[in-house]
């Protein structure tokens, strides 16, 4: 038995879809399990003991017919028995079809369904506290076996020696272990997924007011540096003095090992927050109004996994509205999502870290 799981694009998606491998390995201990992902997402799964091989896909490869055909031939030569296409786009549908696997599983979509032997409708309402991102992925396993677990938690299997090296780097950079170390995801992957700058600065100020010895590290992509520095400039002098810009890391693998040495995560919901959760770091994440909480608010009933969404405070704003309508209102809704709304929840979350 040889199984290929396809999940391209975002870090959080790749990390979340990796739960399939744990279930597959436990059911089929002798199976060969491969994961088709983008190269930049590799650090979140490279030490996963359930994955035998990661096949790295070059972004835009499908736009070059010759290279893409060569890639498809390589997939065919792998002789997969089963394919689970979580990404479910035309390019990955072609990969699934050309694999010639007997079972090819994906989501039900009008423009891709003919590529697969079995498709599944996406679940609309979660049946557990795991959330739709987890439940929709786990249902693929029904196409292979029925006694699969209802949900599993994404995990990052960190090299302890690399975690220790990152800890030493933090100490050399001025971090004191006795005081709380906070990783802050100051920006999301896009403006539509980023809490407004002045609001984020206000939350950081409130955090330092409550945890006076807080040591704050920032996470953002290199191309977001100007936006991140704008947020820092909006913070109070006391807060700026607690931000360790000298310890910023650009590489994903360095962010992971640094985050593993933190006591908590605060910031935008997204890949950085998902990594913190997978490392069992207490997280306080802020959802974009345009993305429903019941999808990415995974395990949000855990005491140390707090997530907030504008819908928590103003549910009437979301009633009888399609996702497309909410996306158009995203910027307007963000302005309603003030720090004053979030502050009581943040204060309760931070209480346990008071010295």
C-alpha atoms as a PDB file:
ATOM      1  CA  UNK A   1       0.000   0.000   0.000  1.00  0.00           C
ATOM      2  CA  UNK A   2       1.367   3.379  -1.031  1.00  0.00           C
ATOM      3  CA  UNK A   3      -0.551   6.548  -0.183  1.00  0.00           C
ATOM      4  CA  UNK A   4      -0.030  10.132  -1.364  1.00  0.00           C
ATOM      5  CA  UNK A   5      -1.555  13.090   0.480  1.00  0.00           C
ATOM      6  CA  UNK A   6      -1.597  16.399  -1.414  1.00  0.00           C
ATOM      7  CA  UNK A   7      -1.728  19.726   0.434  1.00  0.00           C
ATOM      8  CA  UNK A   8      -0.229  22.772  -1.222  1.00  0.00           C
ATOM      9  CA  UNK A   9       0.001  26.450  -0.303  1.00  0.00           C
ATOM     10  CA  UNK A  10      -0.218  27.683   3.276  1.00  0.00           C
ATOM     11  CA  UNK A  11       1.768  26.596   6.330  1.00  0.00           C
ATOM     12  CA  UNK A  12      -1.297  26.163   8.527  1.00  0.00           C
ATOM     13  CA  UNK A  13      -2.973  23.947   5.936  1.00  0.00           C
ATOM     14  CA  UNK A  14       0.084  21.712   5.582  1.00  0.00           C
ATOM     15  CA  UNK A  15       0.428  21.378   9.338  1.00  0.00           C
ATOM     16  CA  UNK A  16      -3.265  20.616   9.847  1.00  0.00           C
ATOM     17  CA  UNK A  17      -3.457  18.051   7.037  1.00  0.00           C
ATOM     18  CA  UNK A  18      -0.512  16.199   8.572  1.00  0.00           C
ATOM     19  CA  UNK A  19      -2.949  14.669  11.100  1.00  0.00           C
ATOM     20  CA  UNK A  20      -3.991  12.258   8.353  1.00  0.00           C
ATOM     21  CA  UNK A  21      -0.606  10.552   8.521  1.00  0.00           C
ATOM     22  CA  UNK A  22      -0.946   9.609  12.171  1.00  0.00           C
ATOM     23  CA  UNK A  23      -4.286   7.934  11.484  1.00  0.00           C
ATOM     24  CA  UNK A  24      -3.010   6.234   8.333  1.00  0.00           C
ATOM     25  CA  UNK A  25       0.135   4.934  10.011  1.00  0.00           C
ATOM     26  CA  UNK A  26      -1.778   3.455  12.924  1.00  0.00           C
ATOM     27  CA  UNK A  27      -4.210   1.737  10.568  1.00  0.00           C
ATOM     28  CA  UNK A  28      -1.629   0.664   7.985  1.00  0.00           C
ATOM     29  CA  UNK A  29       1.721   0.311   9.805  1.00  0.00           C
ATOM     30  CA  UNK A  30       3.471  -1.124   6.729  1.00  0.00           C
ATOM     31  CA  UNK A  31       2.149   1.400   4.212  1.00  0.00           C
ATOM     32  CA  UNK A  32       4.437   3.894   2.472  1.00  0.00           C
ATOM     33  CA  UNK A  33       3.145   7.398   3.142  1.00  0.00           C
ATOM     34  CA  UNK A  34       4.141  10.429   1.041  1.00  0.00           C
ATOM     35  CA  UNK A  35       3.233  14.115   1.400  1.00  0.00           C
ATOM     36  CA  UNK A  36       3.153  16.502  -1.588  1.00  0.00           C
ATOM     37  CA  UNK A  37       3.761  20.064  -0.332  1.00  0.00           C
ATOM     38  CA  UNK A  38       5.526  23.325  -1.183  1.00  0.00           C
ATOM     39  CA  UNK A  39       9.170  23.514  -0.141  1.00  0.00           C
ATOM     40  CA  UNK A  40       8.723  26.539   2.148  1.00  0.00           C
ATOM     41  CA  UNK A  41       6.259  24.575   4.329  1.00  0.00           C
ATOM     42  CA  UNK A  42       8.608  21.622   4.917  1.00  0.00           C
ATOM     43  CA  UNK A  43       9.850  22.689   8.394  1.00  0.00           C
ATOM     44  CA  UNK A  44       6.441  22.054  10.007  1.00  0.00           C
ATOM     45  CA  UNK A  45       6.469  18.371   9.003  1.00  0.00           C
ATOM     46  CA  UNK A  46      10.084  17.407   8.370  1.00  0.00           C
ATOM     47  CA  UNK A  47      10.461  15.476  11.640  1.00  0.00           C
ATOM     48  CA  UNK A  48       7.000  13.893  11.547  1.00  0.00           C
ATOM     49  CA  UNK A  49       7.563  10.185  12.333  1.00  0.00           C
ATOM     50  CA  UNK A  50       4.470   9.125  10.384  1.00  0.00           C
ATOM     51  CA  UNK A  51       5.602  10.552   7.033  1.00  0.00           C
ATOM     52  CA  UNK A  52       8.019   8.481   4.956  1.00  0.00           C
ATOM     53  CA  UNK A  53       8.744  11.058   2.287  1.00  0.00           C
ATOM     54  CA  UNK A  54       7.912  14.659   1.415  1.00  0.00           C
ATOM     55  CA  UNK A  55       7.650  15.464  -2.297  1.00  0.00           C
ATOM     56  CA  UNK A  56       8.373  19.153  -2.784  1.00  0.00           C
ATOM     57  CA  UNK A  57       6.268  20.906  -5.398  1.00  0.00           C
ATOM     58  CA  UNK A  58       7.573  24.006  -7.153  1.00  0.00           C
ATOM     59  CA  UNK A  59       5.023  26.888  -7.116  1.00  0.00           C
ATOM     60  CA  UNK A  60       3.821  27.642 -10.630  1.00  0.00           C
ATOM     61  CA  UNK A  61       5.046  24.307 -11.993  1.00  0.00           C
ATOM     62  CA  UNK A  62       1.646  23.635 -13.555  1.00  0.00           C
ATOM     63  CA  UNK A  63       2.050  26.794 -15.674  1.00  0.00           C
ATOM     64  CA  UNK A  64       4.969  25.205 -17.519  1.00  0.00           C
ATOM     65  CA  UNK A  65       3.416  22.382 -19.604  1.00  0.00           C
ATOM     66  CA  UNK A  66       6.665  20.527 -20.252  1.00  0.00           C
ATOM     67  CA  UNK A  67       7.857  20.590 -16.633  1.00  0.00           C
ATOM     68  CA  UNK A  68       4.394  19.750 -15.342  1.00  0.00           C
ATOM     69  CA  UNK A  69       4.076  16.765 -17.686  1.00  0.00           C
ATOM     70  CA  UNK A  70       7.481  15.519 -16.519  1.00  0.00           C
ATOM     71  CA  UNK A  71       6.306  15.858 -12.917  1.00  0.00           C
ATOM     72  CA  UNK A  72       3.089  13.951 -13.695  1.00  0.00           C
ATOM     73  CA  UNK A  73       5.075  11.124 -15.232  1.00  0.00           C
ATOM     74  CA  UNK A  74       7.176  10.958 -12.073  1.00  0.00           C
ATOM     75  CA  UNK A  75       4.019  10.686  -9.980  1.00  0.00           C
ATOM     76  CA  UNK A  76       2.738   7.889 -12.236  1.00  0.00           C
ATOM     77  CA  UNK A  77       5.987   5.976 -11.728  1.00  0.00           C
ATOM     78  CA  UNK A  78       5.455   6.074  -7.938  1.00  0.00           C
ATOM     79  CA  UNK A  79       2.568   3.605  -8.371  1.00  0.00           C
ATOM     80  CA  UNK A  80       0.384   4.977  -5.594  1.00  0.00           C
ATOM     81  CA  UNK A  81      -2.559   2.841  -4.538  1.00  0.00           C
ATOM     82  CA  UNK A  82      -4.420   5.748  -2.929  1.00  0.00           C
ATOM     83  CA  UNK A  83      -4.373   9.528  -3.208  1.00  0.00           C
ATOM     84  CA  UNK A  84      -5.971  12.050  -0.830  1.00  0.00           C
ATOM     85  CA  UNK A  85      -6.077  15.499  -2.434  1.00  0.00           C
ATOM     86  CA  UNK A  86      -6.862  17.985   0.330  1.00  0.00           C
ATOM     87  CA  UNK A  87      -5.994  21.004  -1.821  1.00  0.00           C
ATOM     88  CA  UNK A  88      -8.526  20.079  -4.503  1.00  0.00           C
ATOM     89  CA  UNK A  89      -7.570  22.408  -7.350  1.00  0.00           C
ATOM     90  CA  UNK A  90      -7.383  21.638 -11.072  1.00  0.00           C
ATOM     91  CA  UNK A  91      -3.597  21.168 -10.964  1.00  0.00           C
ATOM     92  CA  UNK A  92      -3.768  18.748  -8.019  1.00  0.00           C
ATOM     93  CA  UNK A  93      -6.753  17.038  -9.611  1.00  0.00           C
ATOM     94  CA  UNK A  94      -4.565  16.317 -12.632  1.00  0.00           C
ATOM     95  CA  UNK A  95      -1.852  14.983 -10.331  1.00  0.00           C
ATOM     96  CA  UNK A  96      -4.409  12.700  -8.675  1.00  0.00           C
ATOM     97  CA  UNK A  97      -5.759  11.477 -12.021  1.00  0.00           C
ATOM     98  CA  UNK A  98      -2.325  10.864 -13.556  1.00  0.00           C
ATOM     99  CA  UNK A  99      -1.248   8.904 -10.485  1.00  0.00           C
ATOM    100  CA  UNK A 100      -3.576   6.128 -11.724  1.00  0.00           C
ATOM    101  CA  UNK A 101      -4.314   5.281  -8.092  1.00  0.00           C
ATOM    102  CA  UNK A 102      -7.374   3.115  -7.663  1.00  0.00           C
ATOM    103  CA  UNK A 103      -8.749   5.372  -4.917  1.00  0.00           C
ATOM    104  CA  UNK A 104      -8.526   9.135  -5.438  1.00  0.00           C
ATOM    105  CA  UNK A 105     -10.273  11.158  -2.730  1.00  0.00           C
ATOM    106  CA  UNK A 106     -11.033  14.858  -2.536  1.00  0.00           C
ATOM    107  CA  UNK A 107     -13.719  17.465  -1.867  1.00  0.00           C
ATOM    108  CA  UNK A 108     -16.840  17.686  -4.006  1.00  0.00           C
ATOM    109  CA  UNK A 109     -16.422  20.522  -6.514  1.00  0.00           C
ATOM    110  CA  UNK A 110     -18.105  20.875  -9.890  1.00  0.00           C
ATOM    111  CA  UNK A 111     -14.901  21.691 -11.733  1.00  0.00           C
ATOM    112  CA  UNK A 112     -12.659  18.984 -10.203  1.00  0.00           C
ATOM    113  CA  UNK A 113     -14.895  16.065  -9.171  1.00  0.00           C
ATOM    114  CA  UNK A 114     -14.277  14.114 -12.394  1.00  0.00           C
ATOM    115  CA  UNK A 115     -10.616  13.703 -11.390  1.00  0.00           C
ATOM    116  CA  UNK A 116     -11.505  11.534  -8.382  1.00  0.00           C
ATOM    117  CA  UNK A 117     -13.066   8.172  -7.611  1.00  0.00           C
ATOM    118  CA  UNK A 118     -14.799   9.492  -4.476  1.00  0.00           C
ATOM    119  CA  UNK A 119     -15.540  13.009  -3.243  1.00  0.00           C
ATOM    120  CA  UNK A 120     -16.876  14.450   0.000  1.00  0.00           C
ATOM    121  CA  UNK A 121     -19.047  17.463   0.699  1.00  0.00           C
ATOM    122  CA  UNK A 122     -17.398  19.848   3.133  1.00  0.00           C
ATOM    123  CA  UNK A 123     -18.995  19.776   6.569  1.00  0.00           C
ATOM    124  CA  UNK A 124     -20.716  23.085   7.352  1.00  0.00           C
ATOM    125  CA  UNK A 125     -21.103  22.863  11.123  1.00  0.00           C
ATOM    126  CA  UNK A 126     -18.564  21.207  13.448  1.00  0.00           C
ATOM    127  CA  UNK A 127     -19.602  18.166  15.422  1.00  0.00           C
ATOM    128  CA  UNK A 128     -16.852  18.568  18.017  1.00  0.00           C
ATOM    129  CA  UNK A 129     -14.543  21.166  19.538  1.00  0.00           C
ATOM    130  CA  UNK A 130     -11.884  20.137  17.021  1.00  0.00           C
ATOM    131  CA  UNK A 131     -13.327  22.510  14.426  1.00  0.00           C
ATOM    132  CA  UNK A 132     -14.113  22.184  10.731  1.00  0.00           C
ATOM    133  CA  UNK A 133     -10.496  22.378   9.573  1.00  0.00           C
ATOM    134  CA  UNK A 134      -9.893  19.109  11.420  1.00  0.00           C
ATOM    135  CA  UNK A 135     -13.222  17.377  10.789  1.00  0.00           C
ATOM    136  CA  UNK A 136     -13.257  18.059   7.041  1.00  0.00           C
ATOM    137  CA  UNK A 137      -9.842  16.473   6.701  1.00  0.00           C
ATOM    138  CA  UNK A 138     -10.597  13.446   8.838  1.00  0.00           C
ATOM    139  CA  UNK A 139     -13.645  12.542   6.750  1.00  0.00           C
ATOM    140  CA  UNK A 140     -11.365  11.609   3.822  1.00  0.00           C
ATOM    141  CA  UNK A 141     -10.375   8.538   5.806  1.00  0.00           C
ATOM    142  CA  UNK A 142     -13.900   7.166   5.331  1.00  0.00           C
ATOM    143  CA  UNK A 143     -12.867   6.382   1.770  1.00  0.00           C
ATOM    144  CA  UNK A 144     -10.197   4.016   3.095  1.00  0.00           C
ATOM    145  CA  UNK A 145     -11.518   2.648   6.394  1.00  0.00           C
ATOM    146  CA  UNK A 146     -14.421   3.300   8.734  1.00  0.00           C
ATOM    147  CA  UNK A 147     -12.921   2.956  12.205  1.00  0.00           C
ATOM    148  CA  UNK A 148     -10.806   6.098  12.024  1.00  0.00           C
ATOM    149  CA  UNK A 149     -10.577   8.566  14.938  1.00  0.00           C
ATOM    150  CA  UNK A 150     -13.000  11.478  14.860  1.00  0.00           C
ATOM    151  CA  UNK A 151     -10.180  13.976  15.216  1.00  0.00           C
ATOM    152  CA  UNK A 152      -6.474  14.273  15.960  1.00  0.00           C
ATOM    153  CA  UNK A 153      -4.343  17.227  16.991  1.00  0.00           C
ATOM    154  CA  UNK A 154      -1.683  18.667  14.691  1.00  0.00           C
ATOM    155  CA  UNK A 155       1.778  18.265  16.201  1.00  0.00           C
ATOM    156  CA  UNK A 156       5.246  19.499  15.365  1.00  0.00           C
ATOM    157  CA  UNK A 157       7.937  16.968  16.203  1.00  0.00           C
ATOM    158  CA  UNK A 158      10.818  19.199  17.155  1.00  0.00           C
ATOM    159  CA  UNK A 159      14.465  18.281  17.276  1.00  0.00           C
ATOM    160  CA  UNK A 160      15.259  18.929  20.953  1.00  0.00           C
ATOM    161  CA  UNK A 161      18.855  19.888  20.226  1.00  0.00           C
ATOM    162  CA  UNK A 162      17.666  22.641  17.862  1.00  0.00           C
ATOM    163  CA  UNK A 163      15.190  23.849  20.473  1.00  0.00           C
ATOM    164  CA  UNK A 164      18.038  24.063  22.991  1.00  0.00           C
ATOM    165  CA  UNK A 165      20.196  26.006  20.521  1.00  0.00           C
ATOM    166  CA  UNK A 166      17.355  28.482  20.004  1.00  0.00           C
ATOM    167  CA  UNK A 167      16.981  28.841  23.770  1.00  0.00           C
ATOM    168  CA  UNK A 168      20.655  29.700  24.136  1.00  0.00           C
ATOM    169  CA  UNK A 169      20.340  32.265  21.352  1.00  0.00           C
ATOM    170  CA  UNK A 170      17.469  33.919  23.207  1.00  0.00           C
ATOM    171  CA  UNK A 171      19.483  34.059  26.417  1.00  0.00           C
ATOM    172  CA  UNK A 172      22.414  35.658  24.613  1.00  0.00           C
ATOM    173  CA  UNK A 173      19.964  38.159  23.126  1.00  0.00           C
ATOM    174  CA  UNK A 174      18.842  39.300  26.573  1.00  0.00           C
ATOM    175  CA  UNK A 175      15.900  36.999  27.345  1.00  0.00           C
ATOM    176  CA  UNK A 176      15.515  35.966  30.990  1.00  0.00           C
ATOM    177  CA  UNK A 177      13.829  32.617  31.536  1.00  0.00           C
ATOM    178  CA  UNK A 178      12.267  33.727  34.825  1.00  0.00           C
ATOM    179  CA  UNK A 179      10.081  36.275  33.005  1.00  0.00           C
ATOM    180  CA  UNK A 180       7.301  35.426  30.533  1.00  0.00           C
ATOM    181  CA  UNK A 181       8.373  35.196  26.900  1.00  0.00           C
ATOM    182  CA  UNK A 182       5.638  36.108  24.434  1.00  0.00           C
ATOM    183  CA  UNK A 183       5.616  35.403  20.724  1.00  0.00           C
ATOM    184  CA  UNK A 184       3.380  37.919  18.992  1.00  0.00           C
ATOM    185  CA  UNK A 185       2.030  37.336  15.499  1.00  0.00           C
ATOM    186  CA  UNK A 186       1.630  41.043  14.794  1.00  0.00           C
ATOM    187  CA  UNK A 187       0.508  40.489  11.208  1.00  0.00           C
ATOM    188  CA  UNK A 188      -1.456  37.820   9.402  1.00  0.00           C
ATOM    189  CA  UNK A 189      -0.558  36.443   5.985  1.00  0.00           C
ATOM    190  CA  UNK A 190      -2.400  39.349   4.335  1.00  0.00           C
ATOM    191  CA  UNK A 191      -4.081  42.628   5.276  1.00  0.00           C
ATOM    192  CA  UNK A 192      -7.446  40.866   5.231  1.00  0.00           C
ATOM    193  CA  UNK A 193      -6.149  38.570   7.975  1.00  0.00           C
ATOM    194  CA  UNK A 194      -4.370  41.219  10.083  1.00  0.00           C
ATOM    195  CA  UNK A 195      -5.778  43.004  13.130  1.00  0.00           C
ATOM    196  CA  UNK A 196      -5.547  46.786  12.514  1.00  0.00           C
ATOM    197  CA  UNK A 197      -2.125  48.228  13.495  1.00  0.00           C
ATOM    198  CA  UNK A 198      -3.392  50.668  16.123  1.00  0.00           C
ATOM    199  CA  UNK A 199      -5.496  47.919  17.689  1.00  0.00           C
ATOM    200  CA  UNK A 200      -2.602  45.454  17.805  1.00  0.00           C
ATOM    201  CA  UNK A 201      -0.396  48.109  19.412  1.00  0.00           C
ATOM    202  CA  UNK A 202      -3.087  48.716  22.023  1.00  0.00           C
ATOM    203  CA  UNK A 203      -3.267  45.000  22.868  1.00  0.00           C
ATOM    204  CA  UNK A 204       0.499  44.879  23.279  1.00  0.00           C
ATOM    205  CA  UNK A 205       0.328  47.895  25.589  1.00  0.00           C
ATOM    206  CA  UNK A 206      -2.345  46.208  27.681  1.00  0.00           C
ATOM    207  CA  UNK A 207      -0.256  43.036  27.819  1.00  0.00           C
ATOM    208  CA  UNK A 208       2.788  44.895  29.168  1.00  0.00           C
ATOM    209  CA  UNK A 209       0.621  46.783  31.651  1.00  0.00           C
ATOM    210  CA  UNK A 210      -0.516  43.435  33.060  1.00  0.00           C
ATOM    211  CA  UNK A 211       2.760  41.539  32.657  1.00  0.00           C
ATOM    212  CA  UNK A 212       5.318  44.229  33.395  1.00  0.00           C
ATOM    213  CA  UNK A 213       8.289  41.897  32.876  1.00  0.00           C
ATOM    214  CA  UNK A 214       6.955  40.520  29.615  1.00  0.00           C
ATOM    215  CA  UNK A 215       9.537  39.839  26.904  1.00  0.00           C
ATOM    216  CA  UNK A 216       7.990  40.159  23.453  1.00  0.00           C
ATOM    217  CA  UNK A 217       9.245  38.592  20.237  1.00  0.00           C
ATOM    218  CA  UNK A 218       7.605  39.471  16.931  1.00  0.00           C
ATOM    219  CA  UNK A 219       6.638  37.234  14.039  1.00  0.00           C
ATOM    220  CA  UNK A 220       6.039  38.590  10.544  1.00  0.00           C
ATOM    221  CA  UNK A 221       7.279  37.778   7.060  1.00  0.00           C
ATOM    222  CA  UNK A 222      10.360  39.680   5.810  1.00  0.00           C
ATOM    223  CA  UNK A 223       8.277  41.635   3.287  1.00  0.00           C
ATOM    224  CA  UNK A 224       6.055  42.868   6.134  1.00  0.00           C
ATOM    225  CA  UNK A 225       8.873  44.559   8.041  1.00  0.00           C
ATOM    226  CA  UNK A 226       7.699  48.127   7.389  1.00  0.00           C
ATOM    227  CA  UNK A 227       4.158  47.285   8.545  1.00  0.00           C
ATOM    228  CA  UNK A 228       5.516  45.540  11.637  1.00  0.00           C
ATOM    229  CA  UNK A 229       7.703  48.511  12.547  1.00  0.00           C
ATOM    230  CA  UNK A 230       4.693  50.786  12.159  1.00  0.00           C
ATOM    231  CA  UNK A 231       2.919  48.733  14.822  1.00  0.00           C
ATOM    232  CA  UNK A 232       5.937  48.969  17.118  1.00  0.00           C
ATOM    233  CA  UNK A 233       6.003  52.758  16.661  1.00  0.00           C
ATOM    234  CA  UNK A 234       2.362  52.933  17.809  1.00  0.00           C
ATOM    235  CA  UNK A 235       3.177  51.153  21.074  1.00  0.00           C
ATOM    236  CA  UNK A 236       3.932  53.008  24.297  1.00  0.00           C
ATOM    237  CA  UNK A 237       7.588  53.552  25.297  1.00  0.00           C
ATOM    238  CA  UNK A 238       7.161  50.946  28.052  1.00  0.00           C
ATOM    239  CA  UNK A 239       5.968  48.365  25.534  1.00  0.00           C
ATOM    240  CA  UNK A 240       8.705  49.178  23.007  1.00  0.00           C
ATOM    241  CA  UNK A 241      11.285  48.593  25.740  1.00  0.00           C
ATOM    242  CA  UNK A 242       9.943  45.047  26.155  1.00  0.00           C
ATOM    243  CA  UNK A 243      10.098  44.146  22.441  1.00  0.00           C
ATOM    244  CA  UNK A 244      13.263  42.277  21.408  1.00  0.00           C
ATOM    245  CA  UNK A 245      13.635  43.186  17.739  1.00  0.00           C
ATOM    246  CA  UNK A 246      17.201  41.843  17.766  1.00  0.00           C
ATOM    247  CA  UNK A 247      15.795  38.324  18.095  1.00  0.00           C
ATOM    248  CA  UNK A 248      13.560  38.421  15.022  1.00  0.00           C
ATOM    249  CA  UNK A 249      13.975  35.369  12.772  1.00  0.00           C
ATOM    250  CA  UNK A 250      13.199  35.248   9.050  1.00  0.00           C
ATOM    251  CA  UNK A 251      13.320  31.509   8.432  1.00  0.00           C
ATOM    252  CA  UNK A 252      10.360  29.292   9.287  1.00  0.00           C
ATOM    253  CA  UNK A 253      12.555  26.654  10.932  1.00  0.00           C
ATOM    254  CA  UNK A 254      14.039  29.331  13.224  1.00  0.00           C
ATOM    255  CA  UNK A 255      10.601  30.671  14.095  1.00  0.00           C
ATOM    256  CA  UNK A 256       9.517  27.171  15.125  1.00  0.00           C
ATOM    257  CA  UNK A 257      12.458  26.579  17.449  1.00  0.00           C
ATOM    258  CA  UNK A 258      12.153  30.106  18.879  1.00  0.00           C
ATOM    259  CA  UNK A 259       8.418  29.737  19.447  1.00  0.00           C
ATOM    260  CA  UNK A 260       9.054  26.427  21.224  1.00  0.00           C
ATOM    261  CA  UNK A 261      10.993  28.411  23.835  1.00  0.00           C
ATOM    262  CA  UNK A 262       8.150  30.871  24.438  1.00  0.00           C
ATOM    263  CA  UNK A 263       5.602  30.748  27.245  1.00  0.00           C
ATOM    264  CA  UNK A 264       2.662  31.989  25.195  1.00  0.00           C
ATOM    265  CA  UNK A 265       1.519  33.264  21.810  1.00  0.00           C
ATOM    266  CA  UNK A 266      -0.648  36.315  21.146  1.00  0.00           C
ATOM    267  CA  UNK A 267      -1.620  37.536  17.712  1.00  0.00           C
ATOM    268  CA  UNK A 268      -3.427  36.957  14.460  1.00  0.00           C
ATOM    269  CA  UNK A 269      -4.906  33.562  13.729  1.00  0.00           C
ATOM    270  CA  UNK A 270      -2.924  31.862  10.977  1.00  0.00           C
ATOM    271  CA  UNK A 271       0.142  29.762  10.355  1.00  0.00           C
ATOM    272  CA  UNK A 272       2.168  31.256  13.212  1.00  0.00           C
ATOM    273  CA  UNK A 273      -0.652  30.615  15.695  1.00  0.00           C
ATOM    274  CA  UNK A 274      -1.159  27.084  14.361  1.00  0.00           C
ATOM    275  CA  UNK A 275       2.522  26.356  14.899  1.00  0.00           C
ATOM    276  CA  UNK A 276       2.288  27.575  18.495  1.00  0.00           C
ATOM    277  CA  UNK A 277      -0.714  25.310  19.092  1.00  0.00           C
ATOM    278  CA  UNK A 278       1.094  22.347  17.537  1.00  0.00           C
ATOM    279  CA  UNK A 279       3.977  23.000  19.926  1.00  0.00           C
ATOM    280  CA  UNK A 280       1.525  22.993  22.887  1.00  0.00           C
ATOM    281  CA  UNK A 281       2.167  26.691  23.553  1.00  0.00           C
ATOM    282  CA  UNK A 282      -0.791  28.527  25.149  1.00  0.00           C
ATOM    283  CA  UNK A 283      -2.269  30.741  22.439  1.00  0.00           C
ATOM    284  CA  UNK A 284      -4.533  33.768  22.250  1.00  0.00           C
ATOM    285  CA  UNK A 285      -5.444  34.253  18.602  1.00  0.00           C
ATOM    286  CA  UNK A 286      -7.531  36.903  16.837  1.00  0.00           C
ATOM    287  CA  UNK A 287      -9.589  35.757  13.864  1.00  0.00           C
ATOM    288  CA  UNK A 288     -10.228  37.783  10.759  1.00  0.00           C
ATOM    289  CA  UNK A 289     -13.954  38.692  10.551  1.00  0.00           C
ATOM    290  CA  UNK A 290     -14.050  37.208   7.035  1.00  0.00           C
ATOM    291  CA  UNK A 291     -13.067  33.715   8.216  1.00  0.00           C
ATOM    292  CA  UNK A 292     -15.590  31.922  10.350  1.00  0.00           C
ATOM    293  CA  UNK A 293     -14.270  30.845  13.727  1.00  0.00           C
ATOM    294  CA  UNK A 294     -15.829  27.391  13.523  1.00  0.00           C
ATOM    295  CA  UNK A 295     -13.352  26.482  10.763  1.00  0.00           C
ATOM    296  CA  UNK A 296      -9.923  27.514  12.061  1.00  0.00           C
ATOM    297  CA  UNK A 297     -10.842  27.882  15.725  1.00  0.00           C
ATOM    298  CA  UNK A 298      -9.559  24.373  16.334  1.00  0.00           C
ATOM    299  CA  UNK A 299      -9.854  22.962  19.860  1.00  0.00           C
ATOM    300  CA  UNK A 300     -10.986  26.390  21.045  1.00  0.00           C
ATOM    301  CA  UNK A 301     -12.561  24.906  24.167  1.00  0.00           C
ATOM    302  CA  UNK A 302      -9.122  24.083  25.532  1.00  0.00           C
ATOM    303  CA  UNK A 303      -8.345  26.409  28.443  1.00  0.00           C
ATOM    304  CA  UNK A 304      -4.970  27.328  26.981  1.00  0.00           C
ATOM    305  CA  UNK A 305      -6.216  27.793  23.380  1.00  0.00           C
ATOM    306  CA  UNK A 306      -8.265  30.984  23.387  1.00  0.00           C
ATOM    307  CA  UNK A 307      -9.472  32.530  20.152  1.00  0.00           C
ATOM    308  CA  UNK A 308     -11.662  35.556  19.587  1.00  0.00           C
ATOM    309  CA  UNK A 309     -13.819  36.583  16.637  1.00  0.00           C
ATOM    310  CA  UNK A 310     -16.044  39.618  16.113  1.00  0.00           C
ATOM    311  CA  UNK A 311     -18.983  37.211  15.896  1.00  0.00           C
ATOM    312  CA  UNK A 312     -18.408  36.334  19.571  1.00  0.00           C
ATOM    313  CA  UNK A 313     -19.410  39.873  20.487  1.00  0.00           C
ATOM    314  CA  UNK A 314     -21.758  40.907  17.671  1.00  0.00           C
ATOM    315  CA  UNK A 315     -23.382  37.729  16.334  1.00  0.00           C
ATOM    316  CA  UNK A 316     -26.132  39.748  14.657  1.00  0.00           C
ATOM    317  CA  UNK A 317     -23.587  41.169  12.193  1.00  0.00           C
ATOM    318  CA  UNK A 318     -23.094  37.696  10.715  1.00  0.00           C
ATOM    319  CA  UNK A 319     -26.656  36.422  10.675  1.00  0.00           C
ATOM    320  CA  UNK A 320     -28.084  35.638   7.244  1.00  0.00           C
ATOM    321  CA  UNK A 321     -24.901  36.789   5.513  1.00  0.00           C
ATOM    322  CA  UNK A 322     -23.008  34.788   2.941  1.00  0.00           C
ATOM    323  CA  UNK A 323     -19.233  34.448   3.213  1.00  0.00           C
ATOM    324  CA  UNK A 324     -18.856  36.595   0.093  1.00  0.00           C
ATOM    325  CA  UNK A 325     -20.792  39.416   1.781  1.00  0.00           C
ATOM    326  CA  UNK A 326     -18.699  39.209   4.940  1.00  0.00           C
ATOM    327  CA  UNK A 327     -15.478  39.367   2.930  1.00  0.00           C
ATOM    328  CA  UNK A 328     -16.613  42.643   1.372  1.00  0.00           C
ATOM    329  CA  UNK A 329     -17.307  44.006   4.853  1.00  0.00           C
ATOM    330  CA  UNK A 330     -14.037  42.717   6.327  1.00  0.00           C
ATOM    331  CA  UNK A 331     -12.285  46.090   6.693  1.00  0.00           C
ATOM    332  CA  UNK A 332     -15.402  47.705   8.146  1.00  0.00           C
ATOM    333  CA  UNK A 333     -15.879  44.802  10.544  1.00  0.00           C
ATOM    334  CA  UNK A 334     -12.247  44.979  11.693  1.00  0.00           C
ATOM    335  CA  UNK A 335     -12.856  48.579  12.796  1.00  0.00           C
ATOM    336  CA  UNK A 336     -15.692  47.339  15.018  1.00  0.00           C
ATOM    337  CA  UNK A 337     -13.395  44.701  16.530  1.00  0.00           C
ATOM    338  CA  UNK A 338     -11.859  47.091  19.052  1.00  0.00           C
ATOM    339  CA  UNK A 339      -9.315  46.244  21.768  1.00  0.00           C
ATOM    340  CA  UNK A 340     -11.949  47.156  24.355  1.00  0.00           C
ATOM    341  CA  UNK A 341     -14.007  44.175  23.210  1.00  0.00           C
ATOM    342  CA  UNK A 342     -11.084  41.777  23.425  1.00  0.00           C
ATOM    343  CA  UNK A 343      -9.431  43.168  26.573  1.00  0.00           C
ATOM    344  CA  UNK A 344     -11.438  41.191  29.186  1.00  0.00           C
ATOM    345  CA  UNK A 345     -10.701  37.878  27.425  1.00  0.00           C
ATOM    346  CA  UNK A 346      -7.036  38.778  27.039  1.00  0.00           C
ATOM    347  CA  UNK A 347      -6.785  39.779  30.683  1.00  0.00           C
ATOM    348  CA  UNK A 348      -8.161  36.400  31.804  1.00  0.00           C
ATOM    349  CA  UNK A 349      -5.779  34.588  29.482  1.00  0.00           C
ATOM    350  CA  UNK A 350      -2.756  36.513  30.801  1.00  0.00           C
ATOM    351  CA  UNK A 351      -3.718  36.070  34.450  1.00  0.00           C
ATOM    352  CA  UNK A 352      -1.977  32.705  34.733  1.00  0.00           C
ATOM    353  CA  UNK A 353       1.319  34.240  33.573  1.00  0.00           C
ATOM    354  CA  UNK A 354       1.442  36.968  36.199  1.00  0.00           C
ATOM    355  CA  UNK A 355       4.525  36.678  38.381  1.00  0.00           C
END
